[in-house]
Amino acid sequence: MNPQPNPPLDAADREDWTEAFRYLALIMLVVLGGAVVVYTSAAIKPLIISGLVAYVLSTIVDGLRKVTHLSRQTLVVIVYFTSLAAFLLLPALLAPTLVSQSQEIYADLQFSFIELRTAVLQPIQTPSGALYLGDVFPGIAQLSLSSLLPSSATIIELLQATSTNLAWTVMIVVTTYYLLAGWPRLRSWIIALMPAYMQPEMNRVYVEVRKVWHTYLWGNMILMLIVGVVFSIVYTAIGLPGGLTIGILAGVLSIIPELGPATTAVIAVVVALLKGSTYLDMSHTSFGLLVLGIYTVLINIKSIWLRPYVLGRQMLLPEGVIFTVVIIAALVQGVLGALIVVPVLGSLLVVGRYIRRRLLGLTPFPTNDA
């Protein structure tokens, strides 16, 4: 015999959960959610990166929809795979140049070590007699470039770390596509979890939060453009070899607070020390110090004044608040924290204003913004 389906319960026969059991269920859900977060904490940063990349690509998709009138799914495929191809092809295109420049830098460093060892072996005449640096610092005489290269154990650790990072990279690439393609359905599903009377308000909150992130993105684009133009002009003006390329790289990497500009500064100083200026009559060491000094001045102007000013105007937040939260986030959570702290703060302000108005019995949004 086929089992008969259970008849639906009548509303009068259904027993609702008691208030105590509801609180117990809520506590259990919170504890379970916390345990899941702790257990998967290693995946939080890759997921955040996936979300950021998906958001940037989503902005491009939305812009192209207004121009081409193609379906969103078609544009998602085009934008995603075009971006992925560019991400994969760019290192391949730059590889020959990077290899040749790396070989040149290695040769220059090897020559510098030979000169250093020669200088160490030469006696220094002092009033009390000849002084040999090799006797004062015995390790210097045996110092060589090969001694600074990583050992086999270090190489194995690097390979293990590279394998782990490769797995996370694959996860980011795949997750980015699913977030980009399925975000409208995911957003609708999340909002549908709310009671029906709250769903219009949640849609409005989502629009306000999205506006915050959109504004932050454009603020960073303006900042990258300003930094790239200024550094390119200055580096080219002082005769730094490859100054235009290094300046553009400084603008692109300025989206990563502190670490990005510092990376380009190291590149610029190394190039200055090895190549010198193309037309300034000064030693390589003096030119390297000049490049370092220019970077220090410009990056402090950017970090202390320009970045807070641009993002403050775009985000409608005080410049001092922008500067302070970026520094705190960089110290506590590193580069990723500094990258997202400003839009996260703006989003929390949007949600906080909504909750405050609800708690005070006011309309959820100001009437002049409706």
Protein backbone atom coordinates (compact mmCIF):
# COMPACT_ATOMS: atom_id res chain seq x y z
CA MET A 1 0.00 0.00 0.00
CA ASN A 2 1.16 3.48 -0.80
CA PRO A 3 1.38 5.63 2.32
CA GLN A 4 -1.22 8.33 2.47
CA PRO A 5 0.17 11.87 2.65
CA ASN A 6 -0.36 13.64 5.94
CA PRO A 7 -3.23 16.10 5.75
CA PRO A 8 -2.22 19.75 6.26
CA LEU A 9 -2.67 21.04 9.78
CA ASP A 10 -5.49 23.44 10.34
CA ALA A 11 -4.51 26.79 11.82
CA ALA A 12 -6.59 26.00 14.90
CA ASP A 13 -4.79 22.67 15.42
CA ARG A 14 -1.27 24.10 14.98
CA GLU A 15 0.62 24.89 18.15
CA ASP A 16 3.05 27.80 17.96
CA TRP A 17 6.42 27.69 19.66
CA THR A 18 6.52 29.12 23.11
CA GLU A 19 8.43 32.36 23.64
CA ALA A 20 11.10 30.55 25.71
CA PHE A 21 11.66 27.98 22.96
CA ARG A 22 11.93 30.75 20.36
CA TYR A 23 14.70 32.41 22.35
CA LEU A 24 16.41 29.03 22.76
CA ALA A 25 16.23 28.40 19.01
CA LEU A 26 17.64 31.88 18.35
CA ILE A 27 20.54 31.30 20.75
CA MET A 28 21.29 27.94 19.13
CA LEU A 29 21.31 29.56 15.67
CA VAL A 30 23.67 32.31 16.85
CA VAL A 31 26.04 29.77 18.45
CA LEU A 32 25.93 27.56 15.35
CA GLY A 33 26.56 30.56 13.10
CA GLY A 34 29.52 31.64 15.25
CA ALA A 35 30.98 28.14 15.11
CA VAL A 36 30.66 28.10 11.32
CA VAL A 37 32.38 31.50 11.08
CA VAL A 38 35.26 30.36 13.31
CA TYR A 39 35.65 27.07 11.43
CA THR A 40 35.69 28.79 8.04
CA SER A 41 37.62 31.89 9.12
CA ALA A 42 40.45 31.10 6.69
CA ALA A 43 38.02 31.47 3.78
CA ILE A 44 36.66 34.86 4.85
CA LYS A 45 39.37 36.96 3.19
CA PRO A 46 39.22 35.08 -0.15
CA LEU A 47 35.44 35.47 -0.10
CA ILE A 48 35.80 39.20 0.54
CA ILE A 49 38.24 39.46 -2.36
CA SER A 50 35.79 37.55 -4.57
CA GLY A 51 33.03 39.92 -3.54
CA LEU A 52 35.13 42.99 -4.32
CA VAL A 53 36.17 41.70 -7.74
CA ALA A 54 32.60 40.64 -8.52
CA TYR A 55 31.34 44.08 -7.49
CA VAL A 56 33.83 45.88 -9.76
CA LEU A 57 32.94 43.62 -12.70
CA SER A 58 29.24 44.03 -11.91
CA THR A 59 29.64 47.80 -12.21
CA ILE A 60 31.19 47.30 -15.66
CA VAL A 61 28.36 44.94 -16.64
CA ASP A 62 25.70 47.44 -15.54
CA GLY A 63 27.41 50.20 -17.50
CA LEU A 64 27.60 48.08 -20.64
CA ARG A 65 23.92 47.12 -20.34
CA LYS A 66 22.95 50.77 -20.72
CA VAL A 67 25.04 51.06 -23.89
CA THR A 68 24.60 47.70 -25.61
CA HIS A 69 21.17 46.59 -24.30
CA LEU A 70 22.43 42.99 -24.22
CA SER A 71 21.17 40.59 -21.58
CA ARG A 72 22.96 40.65 -18.23
CA GLN A 73 23.99 37.00 -18.49
CA THR A 74 25.61 37.58 -21.89
CA LEU A 75 27.53 40.59 -20.60
CA VAL A 76 28.58 38.66 -17.48
CA VAL A 77 30.19 35.97 -19.65
CA ILE A 78 31.89 38.55 -21.89
CA VAL A 79 33.20 40.76 -19.08
CA TYR A 80 34.26 37.89 -16.81
CA PHE A 81 36.19 35.88 -19.38
CA THR A 82 37.72 39.00 -20.95
CA SER A 83 38.98 40.08 -17.52
CA LEU A 84 40.22 36.56 -16.77
CA ALA A 85 42.05 36.39 -20.10
CA ALA A 86 43.68 39.78 -19.44
CA PHE A 87 44.69 38.63 -15.95
CA LEU A 88 46.31 35.49 -17.35
CA LEU A 89 47.87 37.03 -20.46
CA LEU A 90 49.40 40.10 -18.80
CA PRO A 91 52.05 38.15 -16.84
CA ALA A 92 52.85 36.13 -19.97
CA LEU A 93 53.35 39.32 -22.01
CA LEU A 94 55.51 40.89 -19.30
CA ALA A 95 57.52 37.73 -18.60
CA PRO A 96 60.31 38.31 -21.20
CA THR A 97 60.88 41.85 -19.96
CA LEU A 98 60.79 40.80 -16.32
CA VAL A 99 63.26 37.95 -16.94
CA SER A 100 65.73 40.15 -18.80
CA GLN A 101 65.51 42.91 -16.19
CA SER A 102 65.86 40.37 -13.37
CA GLN A 103 69.01 38.96 -14.98
CA GLU A 104 70.38 42.48 -15.35
CA ILE A 105 69.63 43.32 -11.71
CA TYR A 106 71.23 40.05 -10.59
CA ALA A 107 74.38 40.86 -12.55
CA ASP A 108 74.53 44.36 -11.07
CA LEU A 109 74.08 43.01 -7.54
CA GLN A 110 76.76 40.39 -8.11
CA PHE A 111 79.16 43.09 -9.26
CA SER A 112 78.28 45.17 -6.18
CA PHE A 113 79.08 42.24 -3.89
CA ILE A 114 82.45 41.78 -5.59
CA GLU A 115 83.24 45.45 -5.06
CA LEU A 116 82.15 45.19 -1.43
CA ARG A 117 84.40 42.21 -0.76
CA THR A 118 87.31 43.99 -2.46
CA ALA A 119 86.77 47.05 -0.28
CA VAL A 120 86.62 44.89 2.86
CA LEU A 121 89.94 43.25 2.06
CA GLN A 122 91.65 46.64 1.66
CA PRO A 123 93.18 48.01 4.88
CA ILE A 124 91.95 51.29 6.34
CA GLN A 125 94.77 53.46 7.67
CA THR A 126 94.09 54.83 11.16
CA PRO A 127 96.34 56.67 13.64
CA SER A 128 96.79 53.40 15.52
CA GLY A 129 97.63 51.38 12.42
CA ALA A 130 95.92 49.51 9.62
CA LEU A 131 92.33 48.37 10.22
CA TYR A 132 90.89 45.41 8.34
CA LEU A 133 87.08 45.33 8.22
CA GLY A 134 87.33 41.61 7.57
CA ASP A 135 88.77 41.17 11.04
CA VAL A 136 86.08 43.36 12.67
CA PHE A 137 83.22 41.79 10.71
CA PRO A 138 84.40 38.30 9.73
CA GLY A 139 81.13 37.45 7.98
CA ILE A 140 81.49 40.25 5.45
CA ALA A 141 84.49 38.70 3.72
CA GLN A 142 82.59 35.47 3.12
CA LEU A 143 79.42 37.30 2.07
CA SER A 144 78.21 36.52 -1.42
CA LEU A 145 75.04 36.86 -3.40
CA SER A 146 74.50 33.10 -3.30
CA SER A 147 74.54 33.20 0.51
CA LEU A 148 71.50 35.47 0.41
CA LEU A 149 69.52 33.16 -1.85
CA PRO A 150 66.91 30.96 -0.19
CA SER A 151 67.94 27.49 1.00
CA SER A 152 66.32 24.27 -0.18
CA ALA A 153 64.17 24.11 2.97
CA THR A 154 62.98 27.66 2.37
CA ILE A 155 62.21 26.82 -1.25
CA ILE A 156 60.09 23.85 -0.12
CA GLU A 157 58.18 26.11 2.28
CA LEU A 158 57.67 28.63 -0.51
CA LEU A 159 56.37 25.90 -2.82
CA GLN A 160 53.92 24.74 -0.14
CA ALA A 161 52.72 28.30 0.40
CA THR A 162 52.45 28.76 -3.36
CA SER A 163 50.31 25.61 -3.65
CA THR A 164 48.00 26.86 -0.91
CA ASN A 165 47.74 30.30 -2.48
CA LEU A 166 47.04 28.69 -5.86
CA ALA A 167 44.11 26.79 -4.34
CA TRP A 168 42.74 30.02 -2.84
CA THR A 169 43.23 31.76 -6.19
CA VAL A 170 41.20 29.10 -7.97
CA MET A 171 38.49 29.48 -5.33
CA ILE A 172 38.46 33.27 -5.80
CA VAL A 173 38.23 32.94 -9.59
CA VAL A 174 35.33 30.46 -9.45
CA THR A 175 33.47 32.22 -6.61
CA THR A 176 33.77 35.55 -8.41
CA TYR A 177 31.96 34.15 -11.43
CA TYR A 178 29.11 32.68 -9.39
CA LEU A 179 28.71 35.90 -7.40
CA LEU A 180 28.74 37.96 -10.58
CA ALA A 181 26.28 35.72 -12.43
CA GLY A 182 23.95 34.89 -9.53
CA TRP A 183 23.96 38.06 -7.44
CA PRO A 184 20.47 39.30 -8.49
CA ARG A 185 18.93 35.97 -7.47
CA LEU A 186 21.01 35.81 -4.28
CA ARG A 187 20.01 39.37 -3.33
CA SER A 188 16.33 38.63 -3.93
CA TRP A 189 16.60 35.45 -1.86
CA ILE A 190 18.20 37.28 1.07
CA ILE A 191 15.60 40.06 1.03
CA ALA A 192 12.79 37.48 0.75
CA LEU A 193 13.90 36.03 4.11
CA MET A 194 12.56 39.19 5.75
CA PRO A 195 8.87 39.64 6.61
CA ALA A 196 6.84 40.91 3.68
CA TYR A 197 6.24 44.34 5.21
CA MET A 198 10.01 44.89 5.63
CA GLN A 199 11.09 43.87 2.13
CA PRO A 200 10.57 47.32 0.48
CA GLU A 201 12.63 48.88 3.27
CA MET A 202 15.38 46.28 2.83
CA ASN A 203 15.46 47.04 -0.89
CA ARG A 204 15.89 50.73 -0.08
CA VAL A 205 18.69 49.97 2.41
CA TYR A 206 20.40 47.82 -0.23
CA VAL A 207 20.21 50.67 -2.76
CA GLU A 208 21.75 53.09 -0.24
CA VAL A 209 24.56 50.66 0.64
CA ARG A 210 25.26 50.01 -3.03
CA LYS A 211 25.47 53.76 -3.58
CA VAL A 212 28.15 53.94 -0.86
CA TRP A 213 30.29 51.27 -2.55
CA HIS A 214 29.74 52.82 -5.98
CA THR A 215 30.88 56.20 -4.67
CA TYR A 216 33.93 54.63 -3.02
CA LEU A 217 34.88 52.90 -6.27
CA TRP A 218 34.75 56.14 -8.26
CA GLY A 219 36.66 57.96 -5.51
CA ASN A 220 39.46 55.41 -5.81
CA MET A 221 39.46 55.73 -9.59
CA ILE A 222 39.95 59.51 -9.25
CA LEU A 223 42.71 58.93 -6.69
CA MET A 224 44.50 56.41 -8.92
CA LEU A 225 44.36 58.82 -11.85
CA ILE A 226 45.80 61.71 -9.82
CA VAL A 227 48.60 59.60 -8.31
CA GLY A 228 49.50 58.02 -11.65
CA VAL A 229 49.70 61.36 -13.45
CA VAL A 230 51.70 63.13 -10.71
CA PHE A 231 54.24 60.32 -10.21
CA SER A 232 54.67 59.84 -13.97
CA ILE A 233 55.36 63.55 -14.50
CA VAL A 234 57.77 63.83 -11.57
CA TYR A 235 59.70 60.63 -12.32
CA THR A 236 60.00 61.56 -16.00
CA ALA A 237 61.07 65.10 -15.10
CA ILE A 238 64.03 63.92 -13.00
CA GLY A 239 65.14 61.40 -15.63
CA LEU A 240 64.24 58.14 -13.89
CA PRO A 241 64.54 55.30 -16.44
CA GLY A 242 61.07 53.87 -17.05
CA GLY A 243 59.59 56.76 -15.05
CA LEU A 244 56.35 56.77 -17.03
CA THR A 245 55.79 53.04 -16.47
CA ILE A 246 56.68 53.22 -12.77
CA GLY A 247 54.39 56.23 -12.34
CA ILE A 248 51.46 54.45 -13.96
CA LEU A 249 52.16 51.42 -11.78
CA ALA A 250 52.14 53.69 -8.71
CA GLY A 251 48.71 54.96 -9.72
CA VAL A 252 47.30 51.47 -10.26
CA LEU A 253 48.71 50.10 -7.00
CA SER A 254 47.58 53.13 -4.99
CA ILE A 255 44.25 51.33 -4.55
CA ILE A 256 46.13 49.17 -2.00
CA PRO A 257 46.77 51.57 0.89
CA GLU A 258 50.42 52.00 1.87
CA LEU A 259 51.65 48.63 0.53
CA GLY A 260 50.94 49.41 -3.13
CA PRO A 261 52.83 52.74 -3.24
CA ALA A 262 55.64 51.26 -1.11
CA THR A 263 56.12 48.50 -3.70
CA THR A 264 56.51 51.00 -6.51
CA ALA A 265 58.86 53.07 -4.33
CA VAL A 266 61.16 50.06 -3.90
CA ILE A 267 61.16 49.52 -7.67
CA ALA A 268 61.88 53.20 -8.34
CA VAL A 269 64.75 53.37 -5.83
CA VAL A 270 66.34 50.14 -7.11
CA VAL A 271 66.17 51.43 -10.70
CA ALA A 272 67.66 54.76 -9.59
CA LEU A 273 70.53 53.06 -7.75
CA LEU A 274 71.34 50.71 -10.64
CA LYS A 275 70.76 53.02 -13.62
CA GLY A 276 71.01 56.56 -12.33
CA SER A 277 69.38 59.53 -14.04
CA THR A 278 69.23 59.82 -17.80
CA TYR A 279 70.43 63.45 -17.69
CA LEU A 280 70.96 64.69 -14.10
CA ASP A 281 74.69 64.90 -13.28
CA MET A 282 74.74 63.08 -9.95
CA SER A 283 75.88 59.75 -8.57
CA HIS A 284 73.60 56.74 -8.51
CA THR A 285 73.46 56.85 -4.72
CA SER A 286 72.51 60.53 -4.64
CA PHE A 287 69.89 59.92 -7.34
CA GLY A 288 68.45 56.99 -5.36
CA LEU A 289 68.17 59.23 -2.28
CA LEU A 290 66.49 61.90 -4.43
CA VAL A 291 63.92 59.40 -5.72
CA LEU A 292 63.31 58.17 -2.17
CA GLY A 293 62.86 61.73 -0.91
CA ILE A 294 60.41 62.60 -3.69
CA TYR A 295 58.41 59.46 -2.98
CA THR A 296 58.32 60.25 0.76
CA VAL A 297 57.01 63.78 0.15
CA LEU A 298 54.42 62.79 -2.47
CA ILE A 299 53.14 59.72 -0.62
CA ASN A 300 52.67 61.70 2.59
CA ILE A 301 50.70 64.32 0.68
CA LYS A 302 48.61 61.51 -0.81
CA SER A 303 48.05 59.62 2.46
CA ILE A 304 47.53 62.56 4.81
CA TRP A 305 45.68 65.00 2.57
CA LEU A 306 44.74 63.75 -0.92
CA ARG A 307 43.21 60.36 -0.07
CA PRO A 308 41.13 61.62 2.89
CA TYR A 309 40.09 64.68 0.85
CA VAL A 310 38.97 62.76 -2.26
CA LEU A 311 37.26 59.92 -0.38
CA GLY A 312 35.87 62.31 2.21
CA ARG A 313 34.15 64.40 -0.47
CA GLN A 314 32.90 61.30 -2.26
CA MET A 315 31.75 59.48 0.90
CA LEU A 316 30.51 62.60 2.77
CA LEU A 317 32.77 61.71 5.71
CA PRO A 318 35.29 63.97 7.49
CA GLU A 319 38.84 63.71 6.14
CA GLY A 320 40.21 63.03 9.63
CA VAL A 321 37.86 60.07 10.08
CA ILE A 322 38.91 58.60 6.72
CA PHE A 323 42.61 58.90 7.55
CA THR A 324 42.22 57.47 11.07
CA VAL A 325 40.11 54.42 10.16
CA VAL A 326 42.39 53.52 7.23
CA ILE A 327 45.48 53.55 9.47
CA ILE A 328 43.74 51.55 12.22
CA ALA A 329 42.43 48.98 9.72
CA ALA A 330 45.88 48.61 8.15
CA LEU A 331 47.44 47.96 11.57
CA VAL A 332 44.73 45.53 12.71
CA GLN A 333 43.69 43.68 9.54
CA GLY A 334 46.42 44.49 7.05
CA VAL A 335 46.01 45.53 3.43
CA LEU A 336 42.56 44.03 2.89
CA GLY A 337 41.17 45.74 5.98
CA ALA A 338 42.53 49.11 4.86
CA LEU A 339 41.07 48.55 1.40
CA ILE A 340 37.47 47.96 2.51
CA VAL A 341 37.22 49.82 5.83
CA VAL A 342 35.92 53.07 4.31
CA PRO A 343 32.95 51.58 2.38
CA VAL A 344 32.23 49.23 5.30
CA LEU A 345 32.07 52.25 7.62
CA GLY A 346 29.79 54.05 5.16
CA SER A 347 27.54 50.98 4.92
CA LEU A 348 27.34 50.70 8.72
CA LEU A 349 26.31 54.35 8.90
CA VAL A 350 23.50 53.70 6.40
CA VAL A 351 22.24 50.68 8.37
CA GLY A 352 22.72 52.50 11.68
CA ARG A 353 20.64 55.48 10.54
CA TYR A 354 17.87 53.13 9.42
CA ILE A 355 17.84 51.22 12.75
CA ARG A 356 17.98 54.46 14.75
CA ARG A 357 14.94 55.90 12.97
CA ARG A 358 13.06 52.63 13.46
CA LEU A 359 13.90 52.51 17.18
CA LEU A 360 12.72 56.11 17.63
CA GLY A 361 9.44 55.38 15.84
CA LEU A 362 10.29 57.65 12.91
CA THR A 363 9.84 56.91 9.24
CA PRO A 364 12.61 54.54 8.10
CA PHE A 365 13.97 57.11 5.65
CA PRO A 366 13.82 60.92 5.66
CA THR A 367 10.84 62.12 3.69
CA ASN A 368 12.96 64.49 1.59
CA ASP A 369 15.02 61.46 0.41
CA ALA A 370 12.06 59.32 -0.48
